[in-house]
Structures are given as structure tokens and as C-alpha cells.
């Protein structure tokens, strides 16, 4: 099951489990659409992998399996 990290690692904006604006790499690094399009050019600054839209979890599935409370925020040169 995906970890559904609750924020963008770049700008720290909230990304709830049902957000269509969350993008992830194969390691589940999580970024918002704005950072991916304006700063990261579609690639993860951690692993250099492609960033794709994270599947959403909605309704009872989200209630039963909420997003992780652990916020990940890394200072990347690409995010500055």
C-alpha cells in the first residue's frame, strides 16, 4: 500500500490522500504539481526518477487507511 505522504517535500504544502495534485516517484517521494512543473521538470531530485500522479484514496478507503502523519521535507538545490 502506498504511504501517501502528507506534504510536498519541496515546498511543504499539504497534500491530503485525496489530492489530485500529488506526484510521486517509484520510491514514493512526494511533490506537488506546482513544484514538479516549475522547479523539478518532472523528475525526482532524490532518485532522478520520473514523477507521476499519485493515485488518490477516497471515501471509506481513506478513512480506513489514512495518509501518513509523517511529514518529509528535504532541502534540495532543485527546490530553491
C-alpha atoms as a PDB file:
ATOM      1  CA  UNK A   1       0.000   0.000   0.000  1.00  0.00           C
ATOM      2  CA  UNK A   2       1.265   3.491  -0.820  1.00  0.00           C
ATOM      3  CA  UNK A   3       2.477   5.556   2.132  1.00  0.00           C
ATOM      4  CA  UNK A   4       0.534   8.686   0.993  1.00  0.00           C
ATOM      5  CA  UNK A   5       2.911  11.241   2.433  1.00  0.00           C
ATOM      6  CA  UNK A   6       1.004  14.319   3.582  1.00  0.00           C
ATOM      7  CA  UNK A   7       3.114  17.095   2.061  1.00  0.00           C
ATOM      8  CA  UNK A   8       5.348  18.247  -0.758  1.00  0.00           C
ATOM      9  CA  UNK A   9       8.997  17.561   0.044  1.00  0.00           C
ATOM     10  CA  UNK A  10       9.942  20.758  -1.758  1.00  0.00           C
ATOM     11  CA  UNK A  11       7.563  23.488  -0.539  1.00  0.00           C
ATOM     12  CA  UNK A  12       5.818  21.644   2.351  1.00  0.00           C
ATOM     13  CA  UNK A  13       2.287  22.351   1.060  1.00  0.00           C
ATOM     14  CA  UNK A  14      -0.333  19.910   2.369  1.00  0.00           C
ATOM     15  CA  UNK A  15      -1.203  17.036   0.020  1.00  0.00           C
ATOM     16  CA  UNK A  16      -4.120  15.065   1.506  1.00  0.00           C
ATOM     17  CA  UNK A  17      -4.681  11.464   0.452  1.00  0.00           C
ATOM     18  CA  UNK A  18      -7.377  12.520  -2.000  1.00  0.00           C
ATOM     19  CA  UNK A  19      -5.339  15.304  -3.631  1.00  0.00           C
ATOM     20  CA  UNK A  20      -5.051  15.122  -7.427  1.00  0.00           C
ATOM     21  CA  UNK A  21      -2.042  17.471  -7.213  1.00  0.00           C
ATOM     22  CA  UNK A  22       0.352  14.986  -5.571  1.00  0.00           C
ATOM     23  CA  UNK A  23       3.034  13.384  -7.716  1.00  0.00           C
ATOM     24  CA  UNK A  24       5.361  10.552  -6.690  1.00  0.00           C
ATOM     25  CA  UNK A  25       8.384   8.624  -7.922  1.00  0.00           C
ATOM     26  CA  UNK A  26       8.824   4.849  -7.590  1.00  0.00           C
ATOM     27  CA  UNK A  27      10.256   5.386  -4.083  1.00  0.00           C
ATOM     28  CA  UNK A  28       7.139   7.363  -3.055  1.00  0.00           C
ATOM     29  CA  UNK A  29       8.975  10.683  -2.762  1.00  0.00           C
ATOM     30  CA  UNK A  30       6.101  13.158  -2.915  1.00  0.00           C
ATOM     31  CA  UNK A  31       5.877  16.573  -4.538  1.00  0.00           C
ATOM     32  CA  UNK A  32       3.109  18.985  -5.515  1.00  0.00           C
ATOM     33  CA  UNK A  33       2.233  19.592  -9.151  1.00  0.00           C
ATOM     34  CA  UNK A  34       3.472  23.201  -8.986  1.00  0.00           C
ATOM     35  CA  UNK A  35       6.970  22.219  -7.807  1.00  0.00           C
ATOM     36  CA  UNK A  36       7.170  19.364 -10.328  1.00  0.00           C
ATOM     37  CA  UNK A  37       6.247  21.649 -13.220  1.00  0.00           C
ATOM     38  CA  UNK A  38       8.179  24.790 -12.210  1.00  0.00           C
ATOM     39  CA  UNK A  39      11.240  23.505 -10.369  1.00  0.00           C
ATOM     40  CA  UNK A  40      11.771  19.798 -10.948  1.00  0.00           C
ATOM     41  CA  UNK A  41      10.987  19.414 -14.674  1.00  0.00           C
ATOM     42  CA  UNK A  42       9.116  16.160 -13.986  1.00  0.00           C
ATOM     43  CA  UNK A  43      11.939  14.287 -12.251  1.00  0.00           C
ATOM     44  CA  UNK A  44      12.578  13.418  -8.599  1.00  0.00           C
ATOM     45  CA  UNK A  45      15.572  15.309  -7.167  1.00  0.00           C
ATOM     46  CA  UNK A  46      16.305  12.330  -4.883  1.00  0.00           C
ATOM     47  CA  UNK A  47      16.489   9.423  -7.349  1.00  0.00           C
ATOM     48  CA  UNK A  48      16.136  11.216 -10.711  1.00  0.00           C
ATOM     49  CA  UNK A  49      13.107   9.016 -11.468  1.00  0.00           C
ATOM     50  CA  UNK A  50      10.003  10.176 -13.302  1.00  0.00           C
ATOM     51  CA  UNK A  51       7.291  11.810 -11.187  1.00  0.00           C
ATOM     52  CA  UNK A  52       3.749  10.672 -11.935  1.00  0.00           C
ATOM     53  CA  UNK A  53       0.337  11.464 -10.480  1.00  0.00           C
ATOM     54  CA  UNK A  54      -0.182   9.667  -7.184  1.00  0.00           C
ATOM     55  CA  UNK A  55      -3.332   7.548  -7.066  1.00  0.00           C
ATOM     56  CA  UNK A  56      -5.937   9.069  -4.780  1.00  0.00           C
ATOM     57  CA  UNK A  57      -7.520   7.312  -1.855  1.00  0.00           C
ATOM     58  CA  UNK A  58     -11.072   8.488  -1.183  1.00  0.00           C
ATOM     59  CA  UNK A  59     -14.119   7.822   0.947  1.00  0.00           C
ATOM     60  CA  UNK A  60     -14.072   4.810   3.230  1.00  0.00           C
ATOM     61  CA  UNK A  61     -10.720   3.650   1.850  1.00  0.00           C
ATOM     62  CA  UNK A  62      -9.131   6.905   3.040  1.00  0.00           C
ATOM     63  CA  UNK A  63     -10.978   6.741   6.370  1.00  0.00           C
ATOM     64  CA  UNK A  64      -9.784   3.166   6.971  1.00  0.00           C
ATOM     65  CA  UNK A  65      -6.269   3.802   5.648  1.00  0.00           C
ATOM     66  CA  UNK A  66      -5.397   7.465   6.238  1.00  0.00           C
ATOM     67  CA  UNK A  67      -2.387   9.270   4.860  1.00  0.00           C
ATOM     68  CA  UNK A  68       0.818   9.041   6.841  1.00  0.00           C
ATOM     69  CA  UNK A  69       1.200  11.740   9.527  1.00  0.00           C
ATOM     70  CA  UNK A  70       4.984  11.820   8.942  1.00  0.00           C
ATOM     71  CA  UNK A  71       5.947  14.942   7.011  1.00  0.00           C
ATOM     72  CA  UNK A  72       9.034  14.695   4.809  1.00  0.00           C
ATOM     73  CA  UNK A  73      10.728  17.961   3.937  1.00  0.00           C
ATOM     74  CA  UNK A  74      14.161  17.978   2.352  1.00  0.00           C
ATOM     75  CA  UNK A  75      16.201  20.912   1.286  1.00  0.00           C
ATOM     76  CA  UNK A  76      17.075  20.245  -2.339  1.00  0.00           C
ATOM     77  CA  UNK A  77      19.081  22.535  -4.542  1.00  0.00           C
ATOM     78  CA  UNK A  78      16.386  21.919  -7.150  1.00  0.00           C
ATOM     79  CA  UNK A  79      13.733  23.287  -4.786  1.00  0.00           C
ATOM     80  CA  UNK A  80      15.426  26.600  -4.065  1.00  0.00           C
END
